[in-house]
Amino acid sequence: MNSNTHSPNPITAQFNRSMRKSMIDITQHQVAVLIKVPHTQQGQKLLKTLEGQIKEELSSRNTAYFFSEFERHKNGLWLIGTRK
């Protein structure tokens, strides 16, 4: 058995697939971030644990904006930042 090959974790693979579909729209007065919510419960739990880190990273990279809390609309999480 080759120790370099491993099967990917299906939860992580599905989570990463959802994250690849995320979008960020930066305008002069607003930053809008859309994160697609994973279909699986485990993927949603993983996203929930990372929400604080995502918000902190966006805040540190876009210091001219105040960010609200995440809001869920259908199958997406929105994070809206407005200019200070």
PDB file of N, CA and C in Angstrom:
ATOM      1  N   MET A   1       0.835  -1.176   0.000  1.00  0.00           N
ATOM      2  CA  MET A   1       0.000   0.000   0.000  1.00  0.00           C
ATOM      3  C   MET A   1       0.884   1.246   0.000  1.00  0.00           C
ATOM      4  N   ASN A   2       0.579   2.164  -0.856  1.00  0.00           N
ATOM      5  CA  ASN A   2       1.330   3.401  -0.974  1.00  0.00           C
ATOM      6  C   ASN A   2       0.833   4.384   0.084  1.00  0.00           C
ATOM      7  N   SER A   3       1.718   4.833   0.960  1.00  0.00           N
ATOM      8  CA  SER A   3       1.316   5.732   2.045  1.00  0.00           C
ATOM      9  C   SER A   3       1.083   7.164   1.559  1.00  0.00           C
ATOM     10  N   ASN A   4       1.464   7.482   0.325  1.00  0.00           N
ATOM     11  CA  ASN A   4       1.275   8.829  -0.197  1.00  0.00           C
ATOM     12  C   ASN A   4      -0.126   9.053  -0.733  1.00  0.00           C
ATOM     13  N   THR A   5      -0.873   7.998  -0.986  1.00  0.00           N
ATOM     14  CA  THR A   5      -2.228   8.161  -1.492  1.00  0.00           C
ATOM     15  C   THR A   5      -3.209   8.040  -0.342  1.00  0.00           C
ATOM     16  N   HIS A   6      -4.209   8.856  -0.377  1.00  0.00           N
ATOM     17  CA  HIS A   6      -5.255   8.799   0.632  1.00  0.00           C
ATOM     18  C   HIS A   6      -6.569   9.210  -0.011  1.00  0.00           C
ATOM     19  N   SER A   7      -7.642   8.737   0.549  1.00  0.00           N
ATOM     20  CA  SER A   7      -8.944   9.123   0.022  1.00  0.00           C
ATOM     21  C   SER A   7      -9.363  10.428   0.695  1.00  0.00           C
ATOM     22  N   PRO A   8      -9.902  11.356  -0.076  1.00  0.00           N
ATOM     23  CA  PRO A   8     -10.295  12.638   0.506  1.00  0.00           C
ATOM     24  C   PRO A   8     -11.499  12.466   1.431  1.00  0.00           C
ATOM     25  N   ASN A   9     -11.549  13.285   2.446  1.00  0.00           N
ATOM     26  CA  ASN A   9     -12.674  13.293   3.363  1.00  0.00           C
ATOM     27  C   ASN A   9     -13.885  13.856   2.611  1.00  0.00           C
ATOM     28  N   PRO A  10     -14.992  13.126   2.500  1.00  0.00           N
ATOM     29  CA  PRO A  10     -16.136  13.620   1.722  1.00  0.00           C
ATOM     30  C   PRO A  10     -16.759  14.884   2.313  1.00  0.00           C
ATOM     31  N   ILE A  11     -16.694  15.047   3.620  1.00  0.00           N
ATOM     32  CA  ILE A  11     -17.246  16.255   4.245  1.00  0.00           C
ATOM     33  C   ILE A  11     -16.416  17.467   3.848  1.00  0.00           C
ATOM     34  N   THR A  12     -15.105  17.333   3.928  1.00  0.00           N
ATOM     35  CA  THR A  12     -14.213  18.424   3.543  1.00  0.00           C
ATOM     36  C   THR A  12     -14.328  18.721   2.054  1.00  0.00           C
ATOM     37  N   ALA A  13     -14.431  17.688   1.234  1.00  0.00           N
ATOM     38  CA  ALA A  13     -14.546  17.882  -0.212  1.00  0.00           C
ATOM     39  C   ALA A  13     -15.825  18.646  -0.554  1.00  0.00           C
ATOM     40  N   GLN A  14     -16.935  18.295   0.075  1.00  0.00           N
ATOM     41  CA  GLN A  14     -18.202  18.967  -0.189  1.00  0.00           C
ATOM     42  C   GLN A  14     -18.160  20.406   0.343  1.00  0.00           C
ATOM     43  N   PHE A  15     -17.534  20.612   1.493  1.00  0.00           N
ATOM     44  CA  PHE A  15     -17.379  21.955   2.060  1.00  0.00           C
ATOM     45  C   PHE A  15     -16.542  22.828   1.121  1.00  0.00           C
ATOM     46  N   ASN A  16     -15.418  22.306   0.647  1.00  0.00           N
ATOM     47  CA  ASN A  16     -14.553  23.067  -0.259  1.00  0.00           C
ATOM     48  C   ASN A  16     -15.260  23.385  -1.569  1.00  0.00           C
ATOM     49  N   ARG A  17     -16.089  22.478  -2.049  1.00  0.00           N
ATOM     50  CA  ARG A  17     -16.852  22.711  -3.273  1.00  0.00           C
ATOM     51  C   ARG A  17     -17.790  23.909  -3.081  1.00  0.00           C
ATOM     52  N   SER A  18     -18.421  23.998  -1.925  1.00  0.00           N
ATOM     53  CA  SER A  18     -19.299  25.134  -1.635  1.00  0.00           C
ATOM     54  C   SER A  18     -18.507  26.431  -1.513  1.00  0.00           C
ATOM     55  N   MET A  19     -17.337  26.376  -0.875  1.00  0.00           N
ATOM     56  CA  MET A  19     -16.526  27.578  -0.684  1.00  0.00           C
ATOM     57  C   MET A  19     -16.013  28.134  -2.009  1.00  0.00           C
ATOM     58  N   ARG A  20     -15.762  27.270  -2.966  1.00  0.00           N
ATOM     59  CA  ARG A  20     -15.289  27.733  -4.277  1.00  0.00           C
ATOM     60  C   ARG A  20     -16.338  28.578  -4.985  1.00  0.00           C
ATOM     61  N   LYS A  21     -17.595  28.458  -4.588  1.00  0.00           N
ATOM     62  CA  LYS A  21     -18.673  29.214  -5.225  1.00  0.00           C
ATOM     63  C   LYS A  21     -18.962  30.527  -4.502  1.00  0.00           C
ATOM     64  N   SER A  22     -18.122  30.899  -3.562  1.00  0.00           N
ATOM     65  CA  SER A  22     -18.295  32.157  -2.831  1.00  0.00           C
ATOM     66  C   SER A  22     -17.961  33.334  -3.738  1.00  0.00           C
ATOM     67  N   MET A  23     -18.594  34.482  -3.444  1.00  0.00           N
ATOM     68  CA  MET A  23     -18.368  35.683  -4.241  1.00  0.00           C
ATOM     69  C   MET A  23     -18.178  36.881  -3.319  1.00  0.00           C
ATOM     70  N   ILE A  24     -17.353  37.815  -3.758  1.00  0.00           N
ATOM     71  CA  ILE A  24     -17.147  39.073  -3.045  1.00  0.00           C
ATOM     72  C   ILE A  24     -17.339  40.206  -4.042  1.00  0.00           C
ATOM     73  N   ASP A  25     -18.176  41.178  -3.676  1.00  0.00           N
ATOM     74  CA  ASP A  25     -18.427  42.349  -4.510  1.00  0.00           C
ATOM     75  C   ASP A  25     -17.996  43.574  -3.711  1.00  0.00           C
ATOM     76  N   ILE A  26     -16.954  44.246  -4.173  1.00  0.00           N
ATOM     77  CA  ILE A  26     -16.441  45.429  -3.483  1.00  0.00           C
ATOM     78  C   ILE A  26     -16.758  46.652  -4.332  1.00  0.00           C
ATOM     79  N   THR A  27     -17.539  47.566  -3.763  1.00  0.00           N
ATOM     80  CA  THR A  27     -17.844  48.827  -4.424  1.00  0.00           C
ATOM     81  C   THR A  27     -17.301  49.954  -3.556  1.00  0.00           C
ATOM     82  N   GLN A  28     -17.555  51.180  -3.982  1.00  0.00           N
ATOM     83  CA  GLN A  28     -17.019  52.323  -3.248  1.00  0.00           C
ATOM     84  C   GLN A  28     -17.620  52.438  -1.849  1.00  0.00           C
ATOM     85  N   HIS A  29     -18.893  52.073  -1.680  1.00  0.00           N
ATOM     86  CA  HIS A  29     -19.568  52.269  -0.401  1.00  0.00           C
ATOM     87  C   HIS A  29     -19.886  50.983   0.343  1.00  0.00           C
ATOM     88  N   GLN A  30     -19.668  49.825  -0.285  1.00  0.00           N
ATOM     89  CA  GLN A  30     -20.118  48.579   0.336  1.00  0.00           C
ATOM     90  C   GLN A  30     -19.281  47.388  -0.117  1.00  0.00           C
ATOM     91  N   VAL A  31     -19.133  46.425   0.780  1.00  0.00           N
ATOM     92  CA  VAL A  31     -18.534  45.127   0.465  1.00  0.00           C
ATOM     93  C   VAL A  31     -19.600  44.084   0.755  1.00  0.00           C
ATOM     94  N   ALA A  32     -19.915  43.260  -0.231  1.00  0.00           N
ATOM     95  CA  ALA A  32     -20.906  42.198  -0.048  1.00  0.00           C
ATOM     96  C   ALA A  32     -20.225  40.858  -0.294  1.00  0.00           C
ATOM     97  N   VAL A  33     -20.367  39.955   0.666  1.00  0.00           N
ATOM     98  CA  VAL A  33     -19.757  38.629   0.576  1.00  0.00           C
ATOM     99  C   VAL A  33     -20.878  37.601   0.608  1.00  0.00           C
ATOM    100  N   LEU A  34     -20.901  36.717  -0.380  1.00  0.00           N
ATOM    101  CA  LEU A  34     -21.869  35.622  -0.431  1.00  0.00           C
ATOM    102  C   LEU A  34     -21.109  34.315  -0.316  1.00  0.00           C
ATOM    103  N   ILE A  35     -21.472  33.519   0.679  1.00  0.00           N
ATOM    104  CA  ILE A  35     -20.881  32.197   0.870  1.00  0.00           C
ATOM    105  C   ILE A  35     -21.991  31.177   0.715  1.00  0.00           C
ATOM    106  N   LYS A  36     -21.818  30.268  -0.218  1.00  0.00           N
ATOM    107  CA  LYS A  36     -22.816  29.223  -0.436  1.00  0.00           C
ATOM    108  C   LYS A  36     -22.772  28.246   0.732  1.00  0.00           C
ATOM    109  N   VAL A  37     -23.944  27.957   1.303  1.00  0.00           N
ATOM    110  CA  VAL A  37     -24.036  27.056   2.450  1.00  0.00           C
ATOM    111  C   VAL A  37     -23.964  25.615   1.947  1.00  0.00           C
ATOM    112  N   PRO A  38     -23.090  24.797   2.525  1.00  0.00           N
ATOM    113  CA  PRO A  38     -23.006  23.387   2.120  1.00  0.00           C
ATOM    114  C   PRO A  38     -24.326  22.660   2.382  1.00  0.00           C
ATOM    115  N   HIS A  39     -24.595  21.614   1.614  1.00  0.00           N
ATOM    116  CA  HIS A  39     -25.840  20.865   1.746  1.00  0.00           C
ATOM    117  C   HIS A  39     -25.847  19.965   2.970  1.00  0.00           C
ATOM    118  N   THR A  40     -24.700  19.447   3.351  1.00  0.00           N
ATOM    119  CA  THR A  40     -24.653  18.475   4.443  1.00  0.00           C
ATOM    120  C   THR A  40     -24.619  19.174   5.797  1.00  0.00           C
ATOM    121  N   GLN A  41     -25.146  18.497   6.794  1.00  0.00           N
ATOM    122  CA  GLN A  41     -25.165  19.044   8.144  1.00  0.00           C
ATOM    123  C   GLN A  41     -23.749  19.226   8.679  1.00  0.00           C
ATOM    124  N   GLN A  42     -22.855  18.290   8.376  1.00  0.00           N
ATOM    125  CA  GLN A  42     -21.476  18.401   8.846  1.00  0.00           C
ATOM    126  C   GLN A  42     -20.781  19.593   8.198  1.00  0.00           C
ATOM    127  N   GLY A  43     -21.047  19.817   6.906  1.00  0.00           N
ATOM    128  CA  GLY A  43     -20.474  20.965   6.217  1.00  0.00           C
ATOM    129  C   GLY A  43     -20.990  22.276   6.776  1.00  0.00           C
ATOM    130  N   GLN A  44     -22.280  22.320   7.115  1.00  0.00           N
ATOM    131  CA  GLN A  44     -22.863  23.520   7.707  1.00  0.00           C
ATOM    132  C   GLN A  44     -22.274  23.787   9.085  1.00  0.00           C
ATOM    133  N   LYS A  45     -22.032  22.733   9.844  1.00  0.00           N
ATOM    134  CA  LYS A  45     -21.428  22.882  11.170  1.00  0.00           C
ATOM    135  C   LYS A  45     -20.002  23.418  11.045  1.00  0.00           C
ATOM    136  N   LEU A  46     -19.260  22.923  10.065  1.00  0.00           N
ATOM    137  CA  LEU A  46     -17.900  23.402   9.827  1.00  0.00           C
ATOM    138  C   LEU A  46     -17.909  24.882   9.454  1.00  0.00           C
ATOM    139  N   LEU A  47     -18.840  25.278   8.586  1.00  0.00           N
ATOM    140  CA  LEU A  47     -18.952  26.684   8.199  1.00  0.00           C
ATOM    141  C   LEU A  47     -19.300  27.547   9.409  1.00  0.00           C
ATOM    142  N   LYS A  48     -20.196  27.068  10.253  1.00  0.00           N
ATOM    143  CA  LYS A  48     -20.597  27.820  11.447  1.00  0.00           C
ATOM    144  C   LYS A  48     -19.400  28.067  12.366  1.00  0.00           C
ATOM    145  N   THR A  49     -18.514  27.072  12.486  1.00  0.00           N
ATOM    146  CA  THR A  49     -17.339  27.241  13.343  1.00  0.00           C
ATOM    147  C   THR A  49     -16.326  28.216  12.741  1.00  0.00           C
ATOM    148  N   LEU A  50     -16.355  28.395  11.429  1.00  0.00           N
ATOM    149  CA  LEU A  50     -15.389  29.275  10.766  1.00  0.00           C
ATOM    150  C   LEU A  50     -15.907  30.694  10.542  1.00  0.00           C
ATOM    151  N   GLU A  51     -17.179  30.961  10.840  1.00  0.00           N
ATOM    152  CA  GLU A  51     -17.756  32.280  10.573  1.00  0.00           C
ATOM    153  C   GLU A  51     -16.955  33.408  11.219  1.00  0.00           C
ATOM    154  N   GLY A  52     -16.573  33.251  12.466  1.00  0.00           N
ATOM    155  CA  GLY A  52     -15.813  34.294  13.156  1.00  0.00           C
ATOM    156  C   GLY A  52     -14.471  34.563  12.503  1.00  0.00           C
ATOM    157  N   GLN A  53     -13.794  33.502  12.091  1.00  0.00           N
ATOM    158  CA  GLN A  53     -12.491  33.659  11.437  1.00  0.00           C
ATOM    159  C   GLN A  53     -12.641  34.324  10.074  1.00  0.00           C
ATOM    160  N   ILE A  54     -13.699  33.982   9.345  1.00  0.00           N
ATOM    161  CA  ILE A  54     -13.944  34.588   8.032  1.00  0.00           C
ATOM    162  C   ILE A  54     -14.191  36.083   8.194  1.00  0.00           C
ATOM    163  N   LYS A  55     -15.055  36.435   9.146  1.00  0.00           N
ATOM    164  CA  LYS A  55     -15.368  37.850   9.381  1.00  0.00           C
ATOM    165  C   LYS A  55     -14.126  38.619   9.820  1.00  0.00           C
ATOM    166  N   GLU A  56     -13.330  38.040  10.701  1.00  0.00           N
ATOM    167  CA  GLU A  56     -12.105  38.691  11.169  1.00  0.00           C
ATOM    168  C   GLU A  56     -11.125  38.908  10.020  1.00  0.00           C
ATOM    169  N   GLU A  57     -10.979  37.914   9.157  1.00  0.00           N
ATOM    170  CA  GLU A  57     -10.065  38.033   8.014  1.00  0.00           C
ATOM    171  C   GLU A  57     -10.529  39.123   7.053  1.00  0.00           C
ATOM    172  N   LEU A  58     -11.820  39.162   6.758  1.00  0.00           N
ATOM    173  CA  LEU A  58     -12.345  40.199   5.865  1.00  0.00           C
ATOM    174  C   LEU A  58     -12.193  41.585   6.485  1.00  0.00           C
ATOM    175  N   SER A  59     -12.431  41.702   7.781  1.00  0.00           N
ATOM    176  CA  SER A  59     -12.287  42.995   8.461  1.00  0.00           C
ATOM    177  C   SER A  59     -10.846  43.485   8.429  1.00  0.00           C
ATOM    178  N   SER A  60      -9.903  42.575   8.602  1.00  0.00           N
ATOM    179  CA  SER A  60      -8.501  42.989   8.605  1.00  0.00           C
ATOM    180  C   SER A  60      -8.012  43.351   7.206  1.00  0.00           C
ATOM    181  N   ARG A  61      -8.602  42.760   6.187  1.00  0.00           N
ATOM    182  CA  ARG A  61      -8.189  43.074   4.814  1.00  0.00           C
ATOM    183  C   ARG A  61      -8.908  44.289   4.244  1.00  0.00           C
ATOM    184  N   ASN A  62     -10.055  44.644   4.811  1.00  0.00           N
ATOM    185  CA  ASN A  62     -10.846  45.785   4.347  1.00  0.00           C
ATOM    186  C   ASN A  62     -11.119  46.691   5.544  1.00  0.00           C
ATOM    187  N   THR A  63     -10.098  47.420   5.965  1.00  0.00           N
ATOM    188  CA  THR A  63     -10.186  48.203   7.200  1.00  0.00           C
ATOM    189  C   THR A  63     -11.092  49.425   7.075  1.00  0.00           C
ATOM    190  N   ALA A  64     -11.450  49.820   5.877  1.00  0.00           N
ATOM    191  CA  ALA A  64     -12.294  50.998   5.692  1.00  0.00           C
ATOM    192  C   ALA A  64     -13.781  50.671   5.812  1.00  0.00           C
ATOM    193  N   TYR A  65     -14.124  49.438   6.169  1.00  0.00           N
ATOM    194  CA  TYR A  65     -15.523  49.010   6.214  1.00  0.00           C
ATOM    195  C   TYR A  65     -15.883  48.422   7.570  1.00  0.00           C
ATOM    196  N   PHE A  66     -17.145  48.673   8.004  1.00  0.00           N
ATOM    197  CA  PHE A  66     -17.741  47.999   9.159  1.00  0.00           C
ATOM    198  C   PHE A  66     -18.511  46.809   8.631  1.00  0.00           C
ATOM    199  N   PHE A  67     -18.384  45.647   9.269  1.00  0.00           N
ATOM    200  CA  PHE A  67     -19.086  44.452   8.810  1.00  0.00           C
ATOM    201  C   PHE A  67     -20.193  44.065   9.773  1.00  0.00           C
ATOM    202  N   SER A  68     -21.342  43.706   9.207  1.00  0.00           N
ATOM    203  CA  SER A  68     -22.471  43.224   9.996  1.00  0.00           C
ATOM    204  C   SER A  68     -22.245  41.756  10.346  1.00  0.00           C
ATOM    205  N   GLU A  69     -23.223  41.161  11.010  1.00  0.00           N
ATOM    206  CA  GLU A  69     -23.181  39.721  11.261  1.00  0.00           C
ATOM    207  C   GLU A  69     -23.640  38.991  10.003  1.00  0.00           C
ATOM    208  N   PHE A  70     -23.331  37.706   9.926  1.00  0.00           N
ATOM    209  CA  PHE A  70     -23.781  36.897   8.803  1.00  0.00           C
ATOM    210  C   PHE A  70     -25.303  36.791   8.821  1.00  0.00           C
ATOM    211  N   GLU A  71     -25.924  36.895   7.644  1.00  0.00           N
ATOM    212  CA  GLU A  71     -27.363  36.701   7.496  1.00  0.00           C
ATOM    213  C   GLU A  71     -27.586  35.602   6.471  1.00  0.00           C
ATOM    214  N   ARG A  72     -28.456  34.652   6.817  1.00  0.00           N
ATOM    215  CA  ARG A  72     -28.725  33.558   5.892  1.00  0.00           C
ATOM    216  C   ARG A  72     -29.970  33.877   5.075  1.00  0.00           C
ATOM    217  N   HIS A  73     -29.835  33.758   3.754  1.00  0.00           N
ATOM    218  CA  HIS A  73     -30.943  33.894   2.818  1.00  0.00           C
ATOM    219  C   HIS A  73     -30.905  32.679   1.905  1.00  0.00           C
ATOM    220  N   LYS A  74     -31.906  31.820   2.039  1.00  0.00           N
ATOM    221  CA  LYS A  74     -32.012  30.571   1.286  1.00  0.00           C
ATOM    222  C   LYS A  74     -30.753  29.732   1.476  1.00  0.00           C
ATOM    223  N   ASN A  75     -29.971  29.516   0.430  1.00  0.00           N
ATOM    224  CA  ASN A  75     -28.790  28.652   0.551  1.00  0.00           C
ATOM    225  C   ASN A  75     -27.483  29.446   0.553  1.00  0.00           C
ATOM    226  N   GLY A  76     -27.539  30.683   1.032  1.00  0.00           N
ATOM    227  CA  GLY A  76     -26.333  31.493   1.079  1.00  0.00           C
ATOM    228  C   GLY A  76     -26.231  32.299   2.360  1.00  0.00           C
ATOM    229  N   LEU A  77     -25.008  32.546   2.778  1.00  0.00           N
ATOM    230  CA  LEU A  77     -24.735  33.430   3.917  1.00  0.00           C
ATOM    231  C   LEU A  77     -24.195  34.742   3.362  1.00  0.00           C
ATOM    232  N   TRP A  78     -24.788  35.844   3.782  1.00  0.00           N
ATOM    233  CA  TRP A  78     -24.358  37.158   3.341  1.00  0.00           C
ATOM    234  C   TRP A  78     -23.667  37.882   4.485  1.00  0.00           C
ATOM    235  N   LEU A  79     -22.572  38.539   4.161  1.00  0.00           N
ATOM    236  CA  LEU A  79     -21.872  39.414   5.093  1.00  0.00           C
ATOM    237  C   LEU A  79     -21.714  40.749   4.376  1.00  0.00           C
ATOM    238  N   ILE A  80     -22.310  41.803   4.944  1.00  0.00           N
ATOM    239  CA  ILE A  80     -22.310  43.110   4.300  1.00  0.00           C
ATOM    240  C   ILE A  80     -21.434  44.063   5.110  1.00  0.00           C
ATOM    241  N   GLY A  81     -20.553  44.743   4.417  1.00  0.00           N
ATOM    242  CA  GLY A  81     -19.715  45.759   5.041  1.00  0.00           C
ATOM    243  C   GLY A  81     -20.018  47.115   4.439  1.00  0.00           C
ATOM    244  N   THR A  82     -20.159  48.137   5.284  1.00  0.00           N
ATOM    245  CA  THR A  82     -20.392  49.494   4.802  1.00  0.00           C
ATOM    246  C   THR A  82     -19.193  50.362   5.164  1.00  0.00           C
ATOM    247  N   ARG A  83     -18.953  51.345   4.323  1.00  0.00           N
ATOM    248  CA  ARG A  83     -17.796  52.224   4.518  1.00  0.00           C
ATOM    249  C   ARG A  83     -17.946  53.028   5.802  1.00  0.00           C
ATOM    250  N   LYS A  84     -16.830  53.185   6.510  1.00  0.00           N
ATOM    251  CA  LYS A  84     -16.809  53.948   7.775  1.00  0.00           C
ATOM    252  C   LYS A  84     -17.035  55.412   7.512  1.00  0.00           C
TER     253      LYS A  84
END
